[in-house]
C-alpha cells in the first residue's frame, strides 16, 4: 500500500510539472499505466490531453490523433 501511495504522488508531481511547462499549449502524455482512483482501477496505455495547466481528457492511446508524447 505504501508503494502504491508513493507511485500516486510521483504521478501527480510529474503531471503538475508537465502542465506548468506547457502553459497555453496542448500536450499529449502517453501513460503506460494510470490509476483511476474514482473507479479503483489501473488503466493501461492511456493518452492524457493537457491544455494549458488543465487535464482535459484521458482516453485510450489508440483513439484519435497521436502526438509526440512528452512523458512515457
N, C-alpha and C. Protein backbone atom coordinates (compact mmCIF):
# COMPACT_ATOMS: atom_id res chain seq x y z
N UNK A 1 0.83 -1.20 0.00
CA UNK A 1 0.00 0.00 0.00
C UNK A 1 0.87 1.25 0.00
N UNK A 2 1.96 1.22 0.75
CA UNK A 2 2.85 2.37 0.81
C UNK A 2 3.47 2.63 -0.56
N UNK A 3 3.85 1.57 -1.26
CA UNK A 3 4.43 1.69 -2.60
C UNK A 3 3.41 2.31 -3.55
N UNK A 4 2.16 1.92 -3.45
CA UNK A 4 1.08 2.46 -4.27
C UNK A 4 0.93 3.96 -4.04
N UNK A 5 0.96 4.40 -2.79
CA UNK A 5 0.83 5.82 -2.46
C UNK A 5 1.99 6.63 -3.02
N UNK A 6 3.19 6.08 -2.94
CA UNK A 6 4.37 6.76 -3.48
C UNK A 6 4.24 6.94 -4.99
N UNK A 7 3.73 5.91 -5.68
CA UNK A 7 3.55 6.00 -7.13
C UNK A 7 2.51 7.05 -7.50
N UNK A 8 1.44 7.13 -6.74
CA UNK A 8 0.40 8.14 -7.00
C UNK A 8 0.95 9.55 -6.82
N UNK A 9 1.73 9.75 -5.78
CA UNK A 9 2.33 11.06 -5.53
C UNK A 9 3.31 11.40 -6.63
N UNK A 10 4.11 10.43 -7.06
CA UNK A 10 5.08 10.67 -8.14
C UNK A 10 4.37 11.03 -9.43
N UNK A 11 3.25 10.36 -9.73
CA UNK A 11 2.49 10.68 -10.93
C UNK A 11 1.92 12.09 -10.86
N UNK A 12 1.39 12.47 -9.71
CA UNK A 12 0.82 13.81 -9.55
C UNK A 12 1.88 14.89 -9.73
N UNK A 13 3.06 14.67 -9.17
CA UNK A 13 4.15 15.64 -9.30
C UNK A 13 4.59 15.75 -10.76
N UNK A 14 4.70 14.62 -11.45
CA UNK A 14 5.11 14.61 -12.85
C UNK A 14 4.10 15.36 -13.71
N UNK A 15 2.83 15.07 -13.52
CA UNK A 15 1.79 15.75 -14.31
C UNK A 15 1.75 17.24 -14.01
N UNK A 16 1.93 17.62 -12.76
CA UNK A 16 1.95 19.04 -12.40
C UNK A 16 3.10 19.76 -13.08
N UNK A 17 4.27 19.14 -13.08
CA UNK A 17 5.44 19.75 -13.71
C UNK A 17 5.23 19.93 -15.20
N UNK A 18 4.69 18.92 -15.86
CA UNK A 18 4.47 19.00 -17.30
C UNK A 18 3.42 20.06 -17.63
N UNK A 19 2.39 20.15 -16.84
CA UNK A 19 1.35 21.13 -17.10
C UNK A 19 1.88 22.55 -16.94
N UNK A 20 2.75 22.77 -15.98
CA UNK A 20 3.30 24.10 -15.78
C UNK A 20 4.17 24.54 -16.96
N UNK A 21 4.92 23.62 -17.54
CA UNK A 21 5.78 23.97 -18.66
C UNK A 21 5.00 24.15 -19.95
N UNK A 22 3.81 23.56 -20.04
CA UNK A 22 3.03 23.64 -21.26
C UNK A 22 2.39 25.00 -21.45
N UNK A 23 1.97 25.65 -20.38
CA UNK A 23 1.26 26.91 -20.38
C UNK A 23 0.04 26.84 -21.30
N UNK A 24 0.00 27.56 -22.43
CA UNK A 24 -1.19 27.59 -23.27
C UNK A 24 -1.17 26.52 -24.35
N UNK A 25 -0.17 25.69 -24.41
CA UNK A 25 -0.06 24.67 -25.43
C UNK A 25 -0.87 23.43 -25.06
N UNK A 26 -1.19 22.64 -26.10
CA UNK A 26 -1.81 21.35 -25.87
C UNK A 26 -0.71 20.30 -25.87
N UNK A 27 -0.71 19.48 -24.83
CA UNK A 27 0.31 18.45 -24.65
C UNK A 27 -0.38 17.11 -24.50
N UNK A 28 0.17 16.08 -25.14
CA UNK A 28 -0.33 14.72 -25.00
C UNK A 28 0.72 13.90 -24.26
N UNK A 29 0.27 13.19 -23.22
CA UNK A 29 1.17 12.37 -22.42
C UNK A 29 0.73 10.91 -22.59
N UNK A 30 1.67 10.05 -22.92
CA UNK A 30 1.39 8.63 -23.06
C UNK A 30 1.67 7.96 -21.72
N UNK A 31 0.61 7.48 -21.08
CA UNK A 31 0.75 6.82 -19.78
C UNK A 31 0.62 5.31 -19.98
N UNK A 32 1.68 4.59 -19.69
CA UNK A 32 1.63 3.13 -19.79
C UNK A 32 0.64 2.54 -18.79
N UNK A 33 0.61 3.14 -17.59
CA UNK A 33 -0.34 2.76 -16.55
C UNK A 33 -0.82 4.02 -15.86
N UNK A 34 -2.10 4.09 -15.62
CA UNK A 34 -2.71 5.26 -14.98
C UNK A 34 -3.71 4.78 -13.95
N UNK A 35 -3.64 5.31 -12.75
CA UNK A 35 -4.55 4.90 -11.68
C UNK A 35 -5.81 5.75 -11.72
N UNK A 36 -6.95 5.09 -11.86
CA UNK A 36 -8.26 5.74 -11.79
C UNK A 36 -8.75 5.55 -10.36
N UNK A 37 -8.55 6.57 -9.53
CA UNK A 37 -8.88 6.44 -8.11
C UNK A 37 -10.38 6.43 -7.86
N UNK A 38 -11.17 7.01 -8.76
CA UNK A 38 -12.62 7.01 -8.57
C UNK A 38 -13.21 5.62 -8.77
N UNK A 39 -12.67 4.87 -9.71
CA UNK A 39 -13.18 3.52 -10.00
C UNK A 39 -12.34 2.41 -9.37
N UNK A 40 -11.19 2.77 -8.83
CA UNK A 40 -10.33 1.77 -8.21
C UNK A 40 -9.69 0.83 -9.21
N UNK A 41 -9.34 1.36 -10.40
CA UNK A 41 -8.75 0.53 -11.45
C UNK A 41 -7.43 1.12 -11.93
N UNK A 42 -6.60 0.25 -12.48
CA UNK A 42 -5.38 0.70 -13.14
C UNK A 42 -5.62 0.58 -14.64
N UNK A 43 -5.58 1.70 -15.35
CA UNK A 43 -5.78 1.71 -16.79
C UNK A 43 -4.44 1.61 -17.49
N UNK A 44 -4.40 0.92 -18.61
CA UNK A 44 -3.15 0.77 -19.34
C UNK A 44 -3.23 1.46 -20.69
N UNK A 45 -2.09 1.90 -21.18
CA UNK A 45 -1.92 2.51 -22.50
C UNK A 45 -2.91 3.66 -22.71
N UNK A 46 -2.81 4.68 -21.87
CA UNK A 46 -3.73 5.82 -21.90
C UNK A 46 -3.06 7.07 -22.45
N UNK A 47 -3.86 7.95 -23.03
CA UNK A 47 -3.39 9.25 -23.52
C UNK A 47 -4.04 10.32 -22.65
N UNK A 48 -3.21 11.20 -22.09
CA UNK A 48 -3.69 12.31 -21.26
C UNK A 48 -3.51 13.59 -22.06
N UNK A 49 -4.60 14.31 -22.28
CA UNK A 49 -4.54 15.57 -23.02
C UNK A 49 -4.54 16.71 -22.01
N UNK A 50 -3.50 17.55 -22.09
CA UNK A 50 -3.36 18.69 -21.19
C UNK A 50 -3.39 19.96 -22.02
N UNK A 51 -4.29 20.86 -21.68
CA UNK A 51 -4.36 22.17 -22.33
C UNK A 51 -4.05 23.23 -21.29
N UNK A 52 -2.99 23.96 -21.52
CA UNK A 52 -2.56 24.94 -20.52
C UNK A 52 -2.13 24.22 -19.27
N UNK A 53 -2.83 24.49 -18.16
CA UNK A 53 -2.48 23.82 -16.90
C UNK A 53 -3.58 22.87 -16.44
N UNK A 54 -4.42 22.42 -17.38
CA UNK A 54 -5.55 21.55 -17.04
C UNK A 54 -5.52 20.24 -17.83
N UNK A 55 -5.82 19.15 -17.16
CA UNK A 55 -6.06 17.89 -17.86
C UNK A 55 -7.48 17.96 -18.38
N UNK A 56 -7.64 17.84 -19.70
CA UNK A 56 -8.97 17.97 -20.29
C UNK A 56 -9.53 16.65 -20.80
N UNK A 57 -8.68 15.62 -20.96
CA UNK A 57 -9.18 14.33 -21.43
C UNK A 57 -8.20 13.22 -21.09
N UNK A 58 -8.76 12.06 -20.82
CA UNK A 58 -7.99 10.83 -20.66
C UNK A 58 -8.74 9.77 -21.45
N UNK A 59 -8.04 9.14 -22.39
CA UNK A 59 -8.67 8.11 -23.22
C UNK A 59 -7.62 7.12 -23.68
N UNK A 60 -8.05 5.98 -24.21
CA UNK A 60 -7.07 5.01 -24.70
C UNK A 60 -6.15 5.62 -25.75
N UNK A 61 -4.88 5.28 -25.71
CA UNK A 61 -3.88 5.83 -26.62
C UNK A 61 -4.23 5.54 -28.07
N UNK A 62 -4.89 4.43 -28.33
CA UNK A 62 -5.20 4.02 -29.70
C UNK A 62 -6.26 4.90 -30.37
N UNK A 63 -6.98 5.71 -29.62
CA UNK A 63 -8.01 6.59 -30.19
C UNK A 63 -7.43 7.91 -30.65
N UNK A 64 -8.00 8.48 -31.68
CA UNK A 64 -7.69 9.85 -32.10
C UNK A 64 -6.32 10.05 -32.69
N UNK A 65 -5.94 11.32 -32.78
CA UNK A 65 -4.67 11.73 -33.37
C UNK A 65 -3.56 11.57 -32.35
N UNK A 66 -2.48 10.94 -32.77
CA UNK A 66 -1.33 10.76 -31.87
C UNK A 66 -0.39 11.95 -32.00
N UNK A 67 0.09 12.40 -30.91
CA UNK A 67 1.10 13.43 -30.86
C UNK A 67 2.35 12.85 -30.23
N UNK A 68 3.45 13.49 -30.39
CA UNK A 68 4.68 13.02 -29.76
C UNK A 68 4.53 13.13 -28.24
N UNK A 69 4.65 12.02 -27.52
CA UNK A 69 4.48 12.09 -26.06
C UNK A 69 5.65 12.80 -25.39
N UNK A 70 5.35 13.51 -24.30
CA UNK A 70 6.40 14.17 -23.52
C UNK A 70 6.93 13.21 -22.47
N UNK A 71 6.05 12.45 -21.87
CA UNK A 71 6.47 11.50 -20.84
C UNK A 71 5.91 10.15 -21.16
N UNK A 72 6.61 9.14 -20.76
CA UNK A 72 6.15 7.78 -21.04
C UNK A 72 6.25 6.93 -19.81
